[in-house]
């Protein structure tokens, strides 16, 4: 997987300032930051829901194992 170093980031920022313009560049950075923040919140929410579902499934399996073990003893 390729890694991006400081020099590559500097080149990308320089090209972006030339293409977008120095006045609109901070506005564009703010929009991009907002999009990234929204994406992170969305992914975090999905991860939380998945972990809750996994925990629920694990608890159900544990209860089934316990009930099967009690039935075997009787």
N, C-alpha and C. Protein backbone atom coordinates (compact mmCIF):
# COMPACT_ATOMS: atom_id res chain seq x y z
N UNK A 1 0.85 -1.17 0.00
CA UNK A 1 0.00 0.00 0.00
C UNK A 1 0.90 1.24 0.00
N UNK A 2 0.69 2.14 -0.95
CA UNK A 2 1.55 3.33 -1.00
C UNK A 2 1.29 4.27 0.17
N UNK A 3 2.36 4.88 0.62
CA UNK A 3 2.24 5.84 1.71
C UNK A 3 2.46 7.24 1.17
N UNK A 4 1.76 8.19 1.74
CA UNK A 4 1.90 9.58 1.33
C UNK A 4 2.73 10.30 2.38
N UNK A 5 3.82 10.90 1.94
CA UNK A 5 4.71 11.63 2.84
C UNK A 5 4.39 13.11 2.85
N UNK A 6 5.18 13.84 3.63
CA UNK A 6 4.96 15.28 3.76
C UNK A 6 5.18 16.02 2.45
N UNK A 7 6.16 15.56 1.67
CA UNK A 7 6.42 16.22 0.40
C UNK A 7 5.25 16.07 -0.56
N UNK A 8 4.67 14.88 -0.61
CA UNK A 8 3.51 14.66 -1.49
C UNK A 8 2.32 15.50 -1.06
N UNK A 9 2.11 15.61 0.25
CA UNK A 9 1.02 16.44 0.76
C UNK A 9 1.26 17.90 0.40
N UNK A 10 2.49 18.35 0.53
CA UNK A 10 2.83 19.73 0.18
C UNK A 10 2.57 20.00 -1.29
N UNK A 11 2.92 19.06 -2.16
CA UNK A 11 2.67 19.22 -3.60
C UNK A 11 1.18 19.28 -3.88
N UNK A 12 0.40 18.40 -3.24
CA UNK A 12 -1.06 18.39 -3.43
C UNK A 12 -1.66 19.71 -2.98
N UNK A 13 -1.23 20.22 -1.83
CA UNK A 13 -1.75 21.50 -1.32
C UNK A 13 -1.37 22.63 -2.27
N UNK A 14 -0.15 22.61 -2.76
CA UNK A 14 0.28 23.66 -3.70
C UNK A 14 -0.55 23.66 -4.96
N UNK A 15 -0.78 22.48 -5.52
CA UNK A 15 -1.60 22.38 -6.73
C UNK A 15 -3.04 22.81 -6.44
N UNK A 16 -3.56 22.43 -5.26
CA UNK A 16 -4.92 22.82 -4.91
C UNK A 16 -5.05 24.33 -4.78
N UNK A 17 -4.05 24.98 -4.20
CA UNK A 17 -4.10 26.44 -4.07
C UNK A 17 -4.06 27.10 -5.45
N UNK A 18 -3.27 26.55 -6.35
CA UNK A 18 -3.21 27.11 -7.71
C UNK A 18 -4.53 26.90 -8.44
N UNK A 19 -5.11 25.70 -8.33
CA UNK A 19 -6.34 25.38 -9.07
C UNK A 19 -7.55 26.09 -8.45
N UNK A 20 -7.69 26.00 -7.13
CA UNK A 20 -8.88 26.55 -6.45
C UNK A 20 -8.74 28.06 -6.24
N UNK A 21 -7.56 28.48 -5.92
CA UNK A 21 -7.33 29.89 -5.66
C UNK A 21 -7.14 30.11 -4.17
N UNK A 22 -6.32 31.07 -3.80
CA UNK A 22 -6.00 31.28 -2.38
C UNK A 22 -7.19 31.77 -1.56
N UNK A 23 -8.15 32.45 -2.18
CA UNK A 23 -9.30 32.95 -1.42
C UNK A 23 -10.28 31.83 -1.08
N UNK A 24 -10.50 30.92 -2.02
CA UNK A 24 -11.48 29.85 -1.82
C UNK A 24 -10.88 28.61 -1.16
N UNK A 25 -9.56 28.55 -1.04
CA UNK A 25 -8.92 27.36 -0.48
C UNK A 25 -9.36 27.08 0.97
N UNK A 26 -9.38 28.09 1.87
CA UNK A 26 -9.83 27.81 3.24
C UNK A 26 -11.29 27.33 3.30
N UNK A 27 -12.14 27.86 2.44
CA UNK A 27 -13.54 27.45 2.39
C UNK A 27 -13.63 25.99 1.96
N UNK A 28 -12.83 25.62 0.96
CA UNK A 28 -12.81 24.24 0.48
C UNK A 28 -12.30 23.30 1.57
N UNK A 29 -11.27 23.70 2.31
CA UNK A 29 -10.76 22.87 3.41
C UNK A 29 -11.83 22.66 4.48
N UNK A 30 -12.59 23.69 4.76
CA UNK A 30 -13.65 23.57 5.76
C UNK A 30 -14.73 22.59 5.29
N UNK A 31 -15.10 22.66 4.03
CA UNK A 31 -16.09 21.73 3.48
C UNK A 31 -15.58 20.30 3.52
N UNK A 32 -14.34 20.12 3.12
CA UNK A 32 -13.75 18.77 3.13
C UNK A 32 -13.69 18.24 4.56
N UNK A 33 -13.32 19.07 5.50
CA UNK A 33 -13.29 18.67 6.91
C UNK A 33 -14.66 18.27 7.41
N UNK A 34 -15.66 19.00 6.98
CA UNK A 34 -17.04 18.68 7.37
C UNK A 34 -17.46 17.33 6.80
N UNK A 35 -17.10 17.09 5.53
CA UNK A 35 -17.44 15.80 4.90
C UNK A 35 -16.73 14.64 5.61
N UNK A 36 -15.47 14.84 5.93
CA UNK A 36 -14.71 13.79 6.63
C UNK A 36 -15.31 13.53 8.00
N UNK A 37 -15.69 14.60 8.71
CA UNK A 37 -16.32 14.44 10.02
C UNK A 37 -17.63 13.68 9.93
N UNK A 38 -18.43 13.99 8.93
CA UNK A 38 -19.69 13.28 8.73
C UNK A 38 -19.45 11.80 8.43
N UNK A 39 -18.47 11.53 7.60
CA UNK A 39 -18.15 10.14 7.26
C UNK A 39 -17.67 9.38 8.49
N UNK A 40 -16.83 10.01 9.31
CA UNK A 40 -16.33 9.36 10.53
C UNK A 40 -17.47 9.06 11.50
N UNK A 41 -18.40 10.01 11.65
CA UNK A 41 -19.54 9.78 12.54
C UNK A 41 -20.41 8.63 12.02
N UNK A 42 -20.61 8.59 10.72
CA UNK A 42 -21.42 7.53 10.11
C UNK A 42 -20.77 6.17 10.33
N UNK A 43 -19.48 6.06 10.08
CA UNK A 43 -18.76 4.80 10.26
C UNK A 43 -18.76 4.40 11.73
N UNK A 44 -18.57 5.36 12.61
CA UNK A 44 -18.59 5.07 14.05
C UNK A 44 -19.95 4.55 14.49
N UNK A 45 -21.00 5.13 13.97
CA UNK A 45 -22.36 4.68 14.30
C UNK A 45 -22.59 3.25 13.81
N UNK A 46 -22.14 2.94 12.62
CA UNK A 46 -22.29 1.59 12.09
C UNK A 46 -21.49 0.59 12.92
N UNK A 47 -20.26 0.96 13.30
CA UNK A 47 -19.43 0.07 14.12
C UNK A 47 -20.09 -0.18 15.47
N UNK A 48 -20.70 0.84 16.05
CA UNK A 48 -21.37 0.70 17.33
C UNK A 48 -22.56 -0.25 17.21
N UNK A 49 -23.36 -0.10 16.15
CA UNK A 49 -24.51 -0.97 15.94
C UNK A 49 -24.08 -2.42 15.73
N UNK A 50 -23.01 -2.62 14.98
CA UNK A 50 -22.52 -3.98 14.74
C UNK A 50 -22.03 -4.60 16.05
N UNK A 51 -21.29 -3.85 16.84
CA UNK A 51 -20.79 -4.40 18.10
C UNK A 51 -21.93 -4.71 19.06
N UNK A 52 -22.98 -3.90 19.07
CA UNK A 52 -24.14 -4.17 19.92
C UNK A 52 -24.82 -5.46 19.46
N UNK A 53 -24.98 -5.63 18.14
CA UNK A 53 -25.59 -6.86 17.62
C UNK A 53 -24.75 -8.08 17.93
N UNK A 54 -23.43 -7.96 17.83
CA UNK A 54 -22.55 -9.08 18.14
C UNK A 54 -22.66 -9.43 19.62
N UNK A 55 -22.69 -8.41 20.49
CA UNK A 55 -22.83 -8.66 21.93
C UNK A 55 -24.15 -9.35 22.23
N UNK A 56 -25.23 -8.91 21.59
CA UNK A 56 -26.54 -9.53 21.80
C UNK A 56 -26.54 -10.99 21.36
N UNK A 57 -25.93 -11.25 20.20
CA UNK A 57 -25.86 -12.63 19.71
C UNK A 57 -25.04 -13.51 20.64
N UNK A 58 -23.95 -12.96 21.16
CA UNK A 58 -23.11 -13.72 22.08
C UNK A 58 -23.88 -14.05 23.35
N UNK A 59 -24.62 -13.09 23.86
CA UNK A 59 -25.41 -13.33 25.07
C UNK A 59 -26.48 -14.40 24.82
N UNK A 60 -27.12 -14.36 23.66
CA UNK A 60 -28.13 -15.37 23.33
C UNK A 60 -27.50 -16.76 23.26
N UNK A 61 -26.33 -16.84 22.62
CA UNK A 61 -25.65 -18.14 22.52
C UNK A 61 -25.26 -18.66 23.89
N UNK A 62 -24.80 -17.78 24.78
CA UNK A 62 -24.43 -18.19 26.13
C UNK A 62 -25.65 -18.70 26.89
N UNK A 63 -26.77 -18.01 26.73
CA UNK A 63 -27.99 -18.46 27.41
C UNK A 63 -28.44 -19.82 26.89
N UNK A 64 -28.32 -20.02 25.55
CA UNK A 64 -28.70 -21.31 24.97
C UNK A 64 -27.79 -22.43 25.48
N UNK A 65 -26.52 -22.16 25.60
CA UNK A 65 -25.57 -23.15 26.10
C UNK A 65 -25.90 -23.51 27.55
N UNK A 66 -26.23 -22.50 28.33
CA UNK A 66 -26.55 -22.73 29.74
C UNK A 66 -27.83 -23.55 29.85
N UNK A 67 -28.86 -23.19 29.06
CA UNK A 67 -30.12 -23.93 29.13
C UNK A 67 -29.95 -25.37 28.63
N UNK A 68 -29.14 -25.59 27.62
CA UNK A 68 -28.88 -26.94 27.13
C UNK A 68 -28.13 -27.74 28.18
N UNK A 69 -27.23 -27.11 28.87
CA UNK A 69 -26.47 -27.79 29.92
C UNK A 69 -27.36 -28.19 31.06
N UNK A 70 -28.33 -27.36 31.41
CA UNK A 70 -29.27 -27.70 32.49
C UNK A 70 -30.20 -28.82 32.07
N UNK A 71 -30.60 -28.84 30.79
CA UNK A 71 -31.50 -29.89 30.30
C UNK A 71 -30.78 -31.23 30.31
N UNK A 72 -29.49 -31.24 30.02
CA UNK A 72 -28.72 -32.46 30.01
C UNK A 72 -28.59 -33.05 31.42
N UNK A 73 -28.54 -32.20 32.42
CA UNK A 73 -28.38 -32.64 33.79
C UNK A 73 -29.65 -33.29 34.32
N UNK A 74 -30.82 -32.90 33.81
CA UNK A 74 -32.10 -33.40 34.31
C UNK A 74 -32.39 -34.75 33.80
